[in-house]
Amino acid sequence: MAKKSKETVTTPFGRVPLTKKEKKIVKQVADNVKTINNVYSADFSSIDDTIEDIKKEVRKQGIDYYSCNNIYIILQDALKKVKLAAN
């Protein structure tokens, strides 16, 4: 019986095989990651697009008090980091 080749991901704990569901999530995340081509000029359109994506995901993922509270904490932390970005 031949072993099926499984897709793996490298973690700090070694290489870990991925399930079908995890492969789908990794592909979705990879498709959604955007890069900024020129880091030396201010391109607010990509930042605005990211903010709109965050709004959509917050509405989709914030289904109960616990998740909304976690989202709020994460966004407050992100806001602090944005304020520190110019320093």
Protein backbone atom coordinates (compact mmCIF):
# COMPACT_ATOMS: atom_id res chain seq x y z
CA MET A 1 0.00 0.00 0.00
CA ALA A 2 1.54 3.26 -1.13
CA LYS A 3 1.45 6.27 1.14
CA LYS A 4 -0.31 9.34 -0.17
CA SER A 5 1.90 12.39 -0.38
CA LYS A 6 0.57 14.96 2.03
CA GLU A 7 1.13 18.66 1.98
CA THR A 8 3.00 19.83 5.06
CA VAL A 9 3.74 23.14 6.67
CA THR A 10 6.86 24.04 8.63
CA THR A 11 6.24 25.20 12.19
CA PRO A 12 8.57 25.92 15.10
CA PHE A 13 7.78 22.37 16.25
CA GLY A 14 8.71 20.71 12.95
CA ARG A 15 6.85 19.77 9.79
CA VAL A 16 3.12 19.14 10.28
CA PRO A 17 0.79 17.52 7.69
CA LEU A 18 -2.28 19.52 6.67
CA THR A 19 -5.83 18.24 6.44
CA LYS A 20 -8.07 19.07 3.47
CA LYS A 21 -9.83 21.81 5.46
CA GLU A 22 -6.53 23.35 6.52
CA LYS A 23 -5.23 23.28 2.93
CA LYS A 24 -8.31 25.21 1.83
CA ILE A 25 -7.81 27.83 4.58
CA VAL A 26 -4.09 28.21 3.73
CA LYS A 27 -4.99 28.73 0.06
CA GLN A 28 -7.64 31.34 0.96
CA VAL A 29 -5.20 33.24 3.17
CA ALA A 30 -2.49 33.12 0.49
CA ASP A 31 -4.95 34.44 -2.10
CA ASN A 32 -6.02 37.32 0.16
CA VAL A 33 -2.51 38.51 1.08
CA LYS A 34 -1.67 41.71 -0.79
CA THR A 35 1.74 43.25 -1.08
CA ILE A 36 2.65 46.90 -1.44
CA ASN A 37 4.97 47.43 -4.40
CA ASN A 38 6.50 50.76 -3.41
CA VAL A 39 7.12 51.21 0.30
CA TYR A 40 8.64 54.68 -0.13
CA SER A 41 5.46 56.45 -1.26
CA ALA A 42 2.17 56.70 0.55
CA ASP A 43 -0.42 54.59 -1.29
CA PHE A 44 -3.60 55.02 0.71
CA SER A 45 -5.76 53.07 -1.74
CA SER A 46 -4.31 49.73 -0.65
CA ILE A 47 -4.68 50.75 3.00
CA ASP A 48 -8.30 51.77 2.40
CA ASP A 49 -8.95 48.43 0.65
CA THR A 50 -7.51 46.61 3.65
CA ILE A 51 -9.72 48.58 6.03
CA GLU A 52 -12.78 47.66 3.95
CA ASP A 53 -11.74 43.99 4.04
CA ILE A 54 -11.39 44.22 7.82
CA LYS A 55 -14.89 45.72 8.11
CA LYS A 56 -16.37 42.86 6.08
CA GLU A 57 -14.57 40.20 8.11
CA VAL A 58 -15.57 41.81 11.42
CA ARG A 59 -19.24 41.67 10.39
CA LYS A 60 -18.83 38.04 9.30
CA GLN A 61 -16.82 36.79 12.31
CA GLY A 62 -18.37 38.87 15.09
CA ILE A 63 -21.28 36.54 15.82
CA ASP A 64 -21.37 36.65 19.62
CA TYR A 65 -20.15 38.70 22.58
CA TYR A 66 -16.92 36.71 22.99
CA SER A 67 -15.79 37.07 19.38
CA CYS A 68 -16.80 40.76 19.26
CA ASN A 69 -14.83 41.42 22.42
CA ASN A 70 -11.76 39.67 20.96
CA ILE A 71 -12.09 41.63 17.72
CA TYR A 72 -12.33 44.88 19.70
CA ILE A 73 -9.17 44.07 21.67
CA ILE A 74 -7.25 43.14 18.51
CA LEU A 75 -8.34 46.31 16.69
CA GLN A 76 -7.45 48.53 19.65
CA ASP A 77 -3.99 46.96 19.70
CA ALA A 78 -3.68 47.49 15.94
CA LEU A 79 -4.69 51.14 16.36
CA LYS A 80 -1.93 51.64 18.94
CA LYS A 81 0.59 50.16 16.50
CA VAL A 82 -0.63 52.38 13.67
CA LYS A 83 -0.15 55.44 15.89
CA LEU A 84 3.40 54.27 16.62
CA ALA A 85 4.19 53.58 12.95
CA ALA A 86 5.38 57.13 12.25
CA ASN A 87 7.87 57.10 15.14
